[in-house]
Amino acid sequence: MAGSYIALGLLNSGIKNDADAAFAILSDKLESATKQSHKIGILMGLSMAYAGSARTDLLDIISPIILDSDNSIEL
């Protein structure tokens, strides 16, 4: 599963689309993910898809997960 999230982000890197399917799918999955490996895959997919875009909505989604002290160092 984690690999598919990374692949989705990689396939959508640099693509500008009004529908923004990668963001919709990955952000939804990030909210419902329970396994740490899935969260890592989703975060990597989002990072690849939107690297250099400086999107504040992406930062709002990722920041709480990264700053949560209950998560392991891998996240």
PDB file of N, CA and C in Angstrom:
ATOM      1  N   MET A   1       0.811  -1.193   0.000  1.00  0.00           N
ATOM      2  CA  MET A   1       0.000   0.000   0.000  1.00  0.00           C
ATOM      3  C   MET A   1       0.858   1.260   0.000  1.00  0.00           C
ATOM      4  N   ALA A   2       1.888   1.287   0.831  1.00  0.00           N
ATOM      5  CA  ALA A   2       2.723   2.486   0.922  1.00  0.00           C
ATOM      6  C   ALA A   2       3.366   2.796  -0.419  1.00  0.00           C
ATOM      7  N   GLY A   3       3.769   1.772  -1.146  1.00  0.00           N
ATOM      8  CA  GLY A   3       4.373   1.974  -2.462  1.00  0.00           C
ATOM      9  C   GLY A   3       3.414   2.588  -3.459  1.00  0.00           C
ATOM     10  N   SER A   4       2.146   2.236  -3.353  1.00  0.00           N
ATOM     11  CA  SER A   4       1.162   2.816  -4.273  1.00  0.00           C
ATOM     12  C   SER A   4       0.939   4.298  -3.990  1.00  0.00           C
ATOM     13  N   TYR A   5       1.041   4.700  -2.733  1.00  0.00           N
ATOM     14  CA  TYR A   5       0.911   6.115  -2.393  1.00  0.00           C
ATOM     15  C   TYR A   5       2.098   6.907  -2.926  1.00  0.00           C
ATOM     16  N   ILE A   6       3.288   6.321  -2.835  1.00  0.00           N
ATOM     17  CA  ILE A   6       4.484   6.964  -3.374  1.00  0.00           C
ATOM     18  C   ILE A   6       4.369   7.071  -4.893  1.00  0.00           C
ATOM     19  N   ALA A   7       3.909   6.008  -5.543  1.00  0.00           N
ATOM     20  CA  ALA A   7       3.753   6.013  -7.001  1.00  0.00           C
ATOM     21  C   ALA A   7       2.739   7.062  -7.443  1.00  0.00           C
ATOM     22  N   LEU A   8       1.653   7.206  -6.703  1.00  0.00           N
ATOM     23  CA  LEU A   8       0.658   8.219  -7.037  1.00  0.00           C
ATOM     24  C   LEU A   8       1.254   9.617  -6.975  1.00  0.00           C
ATOM     25  N   GLY A   9       2.043   9.875  -5.953  1.00  0.00           N
ATOM     26  CA  GLY A   9       2.702  11.166  -5.841  1.00  0.00           C
ATOM     27  C   GLY A   9       3.709  11.398  -6.943  1.00  0.00           C
ATOM     28  N   LEU A  10       4.463  10.366  -7.283  1.00  0.00           N
ATOM     29  CA  LEU A  10       5.473  10.471  -8.327  1.00  0.00           C
ATOM     30  C   LEU A  10       4.835  10.716  -9.691  1.00  0.00           C
ATOM     31  N   LEU A  11       3.758  10.012  -9.965  1.00  0.00           N
ATOM     32  CA  LEU A  11       3.067  10.194 -11.244  1.00  0.00           C
ATOM     33  C   LEU A  11       2.444  11.579 -11.382  1.00  0.00           C
ATOM     34  N   ASN A  12       2.094  12.186 -10.273  1.00  0.00           N
ATOM     35  CA  ASN A  12       1.445  13.497 -10.316  1.00  0.00           C
ATOM     36  C   ASN A  12       2.395  14.649 -10.024  1.00  0.00           C
ATOM     37  N   SER A  13       3.677  14.367  -9.955  1.00  0.00           N
ATOM     38  CA  SER A  13       4.626  15.449  -9.678  1.00  0.00           C
ATOM     39  C   SER A  13       4.712  16.394 -10.870  1.00  0.00           C
ATOM     40  N   GLY A  14       4.615  17.664 -10.584  1.00  0.00           N
ATOM     41  CA  GLY A  14       4.705  18.687 -11.616  1.00  0.00           C
ATOM     42  C   GLY A  14       3.443  18.888 -12.427  1.00  0.00           C
ATOM     43  N   ILE A  15       2.400  18.138 -12.151  1.00  0.00           N
ATOM     44  CA  ILE A  15       1.148  18.272 -12.890  1.00  0.00           C
ATOM     45  C   ILE A  15       0.258  19.281 -12.183  1.00  0.00           C
ATOM     46  N   LYS A  16      -0.185  20.256 -12.914  1.00  0.00           N
ATOM     47  CA  LYS A  16      -1.096  21.263 -12.374  1.00  0.00           C
ATOM     48  C   LYS A  16      -2.478  20.988 -12.954  1.00  0.00           C
ATOM     49  N   ASN A  17      -3.425  20.700 -12.079  1.00  0.00           N
ATOM     50  CA  ASN A  17      -4.763  20.330 -12.510  1.00  0.00           C
ATOM     51  C   ASN A  17      -5.769  20.936 -11.545  1.00  0.00           C
ATOM     52  N   ASP A  18      -6.877  21.424 -12.067  1.00  0.00           N
ATOM     53  CA  ASP A  18      -7.905  22.011 -11.212  1.00  0.00           C
ATOM     54  C   ASP A  18      -8.529  20.981 -10.278  1.00  0.00           C
ATOM     55  N   ALA A  19      -8.645  19.747 -10.737  1.00  0.00           N
ATOM     56  CA  ALA A  19      -9.252  18.708  -9.916  1.00  0.00           C
ATOM     57  C   ALA A  19      -8.322  18.295  -8.779  1.00  0.00           C
ATOM     58  N   ASP A  20      -7.014  18.303  -9.002  1.00  0.00           N
ATOM     59  CA  ASP A  20      -6.011  17.989  -7.987  1.00  0.00           C
ATOM     60  C   ASP A  20      -6.303  16.662  -7.293  1.00  0.00           C
ATOM     61  N   ALA A  21      -6.391  15.613  -8.099  1.00  0.00           N
ATOM     62  CA  ALA A  21      -6.767  14.293  -7.593  1.00  0.00           C
ATOM     63  C   ALA A  21      -5.756  13.739  -6.593  1.00  0.00           C
ATOM     64  N   ALA A  22      -4.482  13.950  -6.839  1.00  0.00           N
ATOM     65  CA  ALA A  22      -3.462  13.399  -5.933  1.00  0.00           C
ATOM     66  C   ALA A  22      -3.620  13.980  -4.534  1.00  0.00           C
ATOM     67  N   PHE A  23      -3.836  15.274  -4.440  1.00  0.00           N
ATOM     68  CA  PHE A  23      -4.016  15.911  -3.132  1.00  0.00           C
ATOM     69  C   PHE A  23      -5.275  15.386  -2.448  1.00  0.00           C
ATOM     70  N   ALA A  24      -6.352  15.267  -3.189  1.00  0.00           N
ATOM     71  CA  ALA A  24      -7.611  14.781  -2.612  1.00  0.00           C
ATOM     72  C   ALA A  24      -7.472  13.354  -2.090  1.00  0.00           C
ATOM     73  N   ILE A  25      -6.880  12.494  -2.875  1.00  0.00           N
ATOM     74  CA  ILE A  25      -6.757  11.086  -2.484  1.00  0.00           C
ATOM     75  C   ILE A  25      -5.782  10.925  -1.322  1.00  0.00           C
ATOM     76  N   LEU A  26      -4.597  11.511  -1.458  1.00  0.00           N
ATOM     77  CA  LEU A  26      -3.574  11.295  -0.434  1.00  0.00           C
ATOM     78  C   LEU A  26      -3.911  11.985   0.882  1.00  0.00           C
ATOM     79  N   SER A  27      -4.499  13.174   0.841  1.00  0.00           N
ATOM     80  CA  SER A  27      -4.850  13.838   2.094  1.00  0.00           C
ATOM     81  C   SER A  27      -5.970  13.094   2.815  1.00  0.00           C
ATOM     82  N   ASP A  28      -6.904  12.532   2.058  1.00  0.00           N
ATOM     83  CA  ASP A  28      -7.972  11.737   2.661  1.00  0.00           C
ATOM     84  C   ASP A  28      -7.405  10.469   3.297  1.00  0.00           C
ATOM     85  N   LYS A  29      -6.502   9.811   2.600  1.00  0.00           N
ATOM     86  CA  LYS A  29      -5.885   8.598   3.131  1.00  0.00           C
ATOM     87  C   LYS A  29      -5.027   8.899   4.357  1.00  0.00           C
ATOM     88  N   LEU A  30      -4.376  10.067   4.374  1.00  0.00           N
ATOM     89  CA  LEU A  30      -3.532  10.434   5.502  1.00  0.00           C
ATOM     90  C   LEU A  30      -4.351  10.586   6.779  1.00  0.00           C
ATOM     91  N   GLU A  31      -5.541  11.134   6.662  1.00  0.00           N
ATOM     92  CA  GLU A  31      -6.404  11.317   7.828  1.00  0.00           C
ATOM     93  C   GLU A  31      -6.895   9.994   8.396  1.00  0.00           C
ATOM     94  N   SER A  32      -7.067   8.995   7.522  1.00  0.00           N
ATOM     95  CA  SER A  32      -7.615   7.721   7.992  1.00  0.00           C
ATOM     96  C   SER A  32      -6.557   6.631   8.169  1.00  0.00           C
ATOM     97  N   ALA A  33      -5.305   6.920   7.867  1.00  0.00           N
ATOM     98  CA  ALA A  33      -4.241   5.899   7.968  1.00  0.00           C
ATOM     99  C   ALA A  33      -3.970   5.536   9.419  1.00  0.00           C
ATOM    100  N   THR A  34      -3.836   4.232   9.673  1.00  0.00           N
ATOM    101  CA  THR A  34      -3.532   3.761  11.020  1.00  0.00           C
ATOM    102  C   THR A  34      -2.127   3.170  11.112  1.00  0.00           C
ATOM    103  N   LYS A  35      -1.650   2.567  10.021  1.00  0.00           N
ATOM    104  CA  LYS A  35      -0.313   1.985  10.024  1.00  0.00           C
ATOM    105  C   LYS A  35       0.738   3.052   9.749  1.00  0.00           C
ATOM    106  N   GLN A  36       1.837   2.958  10.453  1.00  0.00           N
ATOM    107  CA  GLN A  36       2.912   3.931  10.278  1.00  0.00           C
ATOM    108  C   GLN A  36       3.511   3.842   8.879  1.00  0.00           C
ATOM    109  N   SER A  37       3.623   2.649   8.336  1.00  0.00           N
ATOM    110  CA  SER A  37       4.185   2.511   6.989  1.00  0.00           C
ATOM    111  C   SER A  37       3.308   3.198   5.946  1.00  0.00           C
ATOM    112  N   HIS A  38       2.004   3.174   6.140  1.00  0.00           N
ATOM    113  CA  HIS A  38       1.096   3.865   5.224  1.00  0.00           C
ATOM    114  C   HIS A  38       1.273   5.378   5.342  1.00  0.00           C
ATOM    115  N   LYS A  39       1.396   5.869   6.571  1.00  0.00           N
ATOM    116  CA  LYS A  39       1.598   7.305   6.765  1.00  0.00           C
ATOM    117  C   LYS A  39       2.882   7.780   6.104  1.00  0.00           C
ATOM    118  N   ILE A  40       3.938   6.987   6.231  1.00  0.00           N
ATOM    119  CA  ILE A  40       5.211   7.343   5.614  1.00  0.00           C
ATOM    120  C   ILE A  40       5.065   7.376   4.091  1.00  0.00           C
ATOM    121  N   GLY A  41       4.405   6.382   3.517  1.00  0.00           N
ATOM    122  CA  GLY A  41       4.185   6.348   2.071  1.00  0.00           C
ATOM    123  C   GLY A  41       3.359   7.521   1.584  1.00  0.00           C
ATOM    124  N   ILE A  42       2.333   7.868   2.333  1.00  0.00           N
ATOM    125  CA  ILE A  42       1.472   8.996   1.959  1.00  0.00           C
ATOM    126  C   ILE A  42       2.245  10.305   2.049  1.00  0.00           C
ATOM    127  N   LEU A  43       3.008  10.487   3.113  1.00  0.00           N
ATOM    128  CA  LEU A  43       3.811  11.703   3.252  1.00  0.00           C
ATOM    129  C   LEU A  43       4.851  11.810   2.139  1.00  0.00           C
ATOM    130  N   MET A  44       5.461  10.690   1.767  1.00  0.00           N
ATOM    131  CA  MET A  44       6.430  10.713   0.670  1.00  0.00           C
ATOM    132  C   MET A  44       5.740  11.023  -0.655  1.00  0.00           C
ATOM    133  N   GLY A  45       4.562  10.461  -0.862  1.00  0.00           N
ATOM    134  CA  GLY A  45       3.810  10.741  -2.086  1.00  0.00           C
ATOM    135  C   GLY A  45       3.426  12.204  -2.190  1.00  0.00           C
ATOM    136  N   LEU A  46       2.937  12.769  -1.092  1.00  0.00           N
ATOM    137  CA  LEU A  46       2.604  14.196  -1.088  1.00  0.00           C
ATOM    138  C   LEU A  46       3.843  15.053  -1.310  1.00  0.00           C
ATOM    139  N   SER A  47       4.947  14.646  -0.711  1.00  0.00           N
ATOM    140  CA  SER A  47       6.195  15.402  -0.858  1.00  0.00           C
ATOM    141  C   SER A  47       6.679  15.399  -2.297  1.00  0.00           C
ATOM    142  N   MET A  48       6.587  14.250  -2.957  1.00  0.00           N
ATOM    143  CA  MET A  48       7.029  14.171  -4.353  1.00  0.00           C
ATOM    144  C   MET A  48       6.093  14.926  -5.292  1.00  0.00           C
ATOM    145  N   ALA A  49       4.808  14.822  -5.035  1.00  0.00           N
ATOM    146  CA  ALA A  49       3.840  15.462  -5.925  1.00  0.00           C
ATOM    147  C   ALA A  49       3.896  16.982  -5.845  1.00  0.00           C
ATOM    148  N   TYR A  50       4.202  17.512  -4.673  1.00  0.00           N
ATOM    149  CA  TYR A  50       4.105  18.962  -4.490  1.00  0.00           C
ATOM    150  C   TYR A  50       5.415  19.607  -4.058  1.00  0.00           C
ATOM    151  N   ALA A  51       6.536  18.971  -4.344  1.00  0.00           N
ATOM    152  CA  ALA A  51       7.839  19.548  -4.008  1.00  0.00           C
ATOM    153  C   ALA A  51       8.014  20.887  -4.731  1.00  0.00           C
ATOM    154  N   GLY A  52       8.375  21.892  -3.980  1.00  0.00           N
ATOM    155  CA  GLY A  52       8.613  23.214  -4.546  1.00  0.00           C
ATOM    156  C   GLY A  52       7.381  24.040  -4.822  1.00  0.00           C
ATOM    157  N   SER A  53       6.205  23.553  -4.448  1.00  0.00           N
ATOM    158  CA  SER A  53       4.975  24.285  -4.750  1.00  0.00           C
ATOM    159  C   SER A  53       4.624  25.318  -3.696  1.00  0.00           C
ATOM    160  N   ALA A  54       5.190  25.211  -2.511  1.00  0.00           N
ATOM    161  CA  ALA A  54       4.938  26.142  -1.398  1.00  0.00           C
ATOM    162  C   ALA A  54       3.452  26.282  -1.088  1.00  0.00           C
ATOM    163  N   ARG A  55       2.747  25.172  -1.069  1.00  0.00           N
ATOM    164  CA  ARG A  55       1.310  25.191  -0.774  1.00  0.00           C
ATOM    165  C   ARG A  55       1.091  25.197   0.737  1.00  0.00           C
ATOM    166  N   THR A  56       0.363  26.177   1.209  1.00  0.00           N
ATOM    167  CA  THR A  56       0.111  26.279   2.644  1.00  0.00           C
ATOM    168  C   THR A  56      -0.897  25.231   3.112  1.00  0.00           C
ATOM    169  N   ASP A  57      -1.835  24.840   2.252  1.00  0.00           N
ATOM    170  CA  ASP A  57      -2.799  23.821   2.654  1.00  0.00           C
ATOM    171  C   ASP A  57      -2.111  22.475   2.866  1.00  0.00           C
ATOM    172  N   LEU A  58      -1.073  22.210   2.125  1.00  0.00           N
ATOM    173  CA  LEU A  58      -0.303  20.992   2.320  1.00  0.00           C
ATOM    174  C   LEU A  58       0.455  21.038   3.638  1.00  0.00           C
ATOM    175  N   LEU A  59       1.009  22.167   3.946  1.00  0.00           N
ATOM    176  CA  LEU A  59       1.724  22.345   5.210  1.00  0.00           C
ATOM    177  C   LEU A  59       0.776  22.169   6.397  1.00  0.00           C
ATOM    178  N   ASP A  60      -0.454  22.646   6.261  1.00  0.00           N
ATOM    179  CA  ASP A  60      -1.443  22.496   7.328  1.00  0.00           C
ATOM    180  C   ASP A  60      -1.781  21.035   7.601  1.00  0.00           C
ATOM    181  N   ILE A  61      -1.744  20.204   6.573  1.00  0.00           N
ATOM    182  CA  ILE A  61      -2.061  18.784   6.733  1.00  0.00           C
ATOM    183  C   ILE A  61      -0.869  18.011   7.297  1.00  0.00           C
ATOM    184  N   ILE A  62       0.324  18.326   6.829  1.00  0.00           N
ATOM    185  CA  ILE A  62       1.513  17.562   7.205  1.00  0.00           C
ATOM    186  C   ILE A  62       2.064  17.955   8.580  1.00  0.00           C
ATOM    187  N   SER A  63       2.013  19.214   8.931  1.00  0.00           N
ATOM    188  CA  SER A  63       2.634  19.699  10.173  1.00  0.00           C
ATOM    189  C   SER A  63       2.177  18.974  11.436  1.00  0.00           C
ATOM    190  N   PRO A  64       0.886  18.770  11.655  1.00  0.00           N
ATOM    191  CA  PRO A  64       0.482  18.087  12.902  1.00  0.00           C
ATOM    192  C   PRO A  64       1.053  16.675  13.035  1.00  0.00           C
ATOM    193  N   ILE A  65       1.215  15.988  11.929  1.00  0.00           N
ATOM    194  CA  ILE A  65       1.740  14.625  11.977  1.00  0.00           C
ATOM    195  C   ILE A  65       3.228  14.643  12.299  1.00  0.00           C
ATOM    196  N   ILE A  66       3.947  15.560  11.683  1.00  0.00           N
ATOM    197  CA  ILE A  66       5.385  15.645  11.916  1.00  0.00           C
ATOM    198  C   ILE A  66       5.687  16.123  13.334  1.00  0.00           C
ATOM    199  N   LEU A  67       4.902  17.050  13.841  1.00  0.00           N
ATOM    200  CA  LEU A  67       5.151  17.622  15.160  1.00  0.00           C
ATOM    201  C   LEU A  67       4.619  16.779  16.314  1.00  0.00           C
ATOM    202  N   ASP A  68       3.827  15.746  16.022  1.00  0.00           N
ATOM    203  CA  ASP A  68       3.268  14.892  17.062  1.00  0.00           C
ATOM    204  C   ASP A  68       4.377  14.054  17.689  1.00  0.00           C
ATOM    205  N   SER A  69       4.597  14.221  18.973  1.00  0.00           N
ATOM    206  CA  SER A  69       5.686  13.516  19.658  1.00  0.00           C
ATOM    207  C   SER A  69       5.394  12.014  19.849  1.00  0.00           C
ATOM    208  N   ASP A  70       4.156  11.599  19.660  1.00  0.00           N
ATOM    209  CA  ASP A  70       3.822  10.180  19.783  1.00  0.00           C
ATOM    210  C   ASP A  70       4.283   9.360  18.569  1.00  0.00           C
ATOM    211  N   ASN A  71       4.520  10.029  17.456  1.00  0.00           N
ATOM    212  CA  ASN A  71       4.997   9.337  16.256  1.00  0.00           C
ATOM    213  C   ASN A  71       6.487   9.023  16.390  1.00  0.00           C
ATOM    214  N   SER A  72       6.906   7.988  15.709  1.00  0.00           N
ATOM    215  CA  SER A  72       8.324   7.600  15.765  1.00  0.00           C
ATOM    216  C   SER A  72       9.168   8.555  14.928  1.00  0.00           C
ATOM    217  N   ILE A  73      10.455   8.413  15.026  1.00  0.00           N
ATOM    218  CA  ILE A  73      11.400   9.296  14.354  1.00  0.00           C
ATOM    219  C   ILE A  73      11.324   9.130  12.825  1.00  0.00           C
ATOM    220  N   GLU A  74      10.872   7.976  12.333  1.00  0.00           N
ATOM    221  CA  GLU A  74      10.777   7.773  10.896  1.00  0.00           C
ATOM    222  C   GLU A  74       9.777   8.698  10.226  1.00  0.00           C
ATOM    223  N   LEU A  75       8.733   9.074  10.979  1.00  0.00           N
ATOM    224  CA  LEU A  75       7.752   9.994  10.418  1.00  0.00           C
ATOM    225  C   LEU A  75       8.322  11.384  10.452  1.00  0.00           C
TER     226      LEU A  75
END
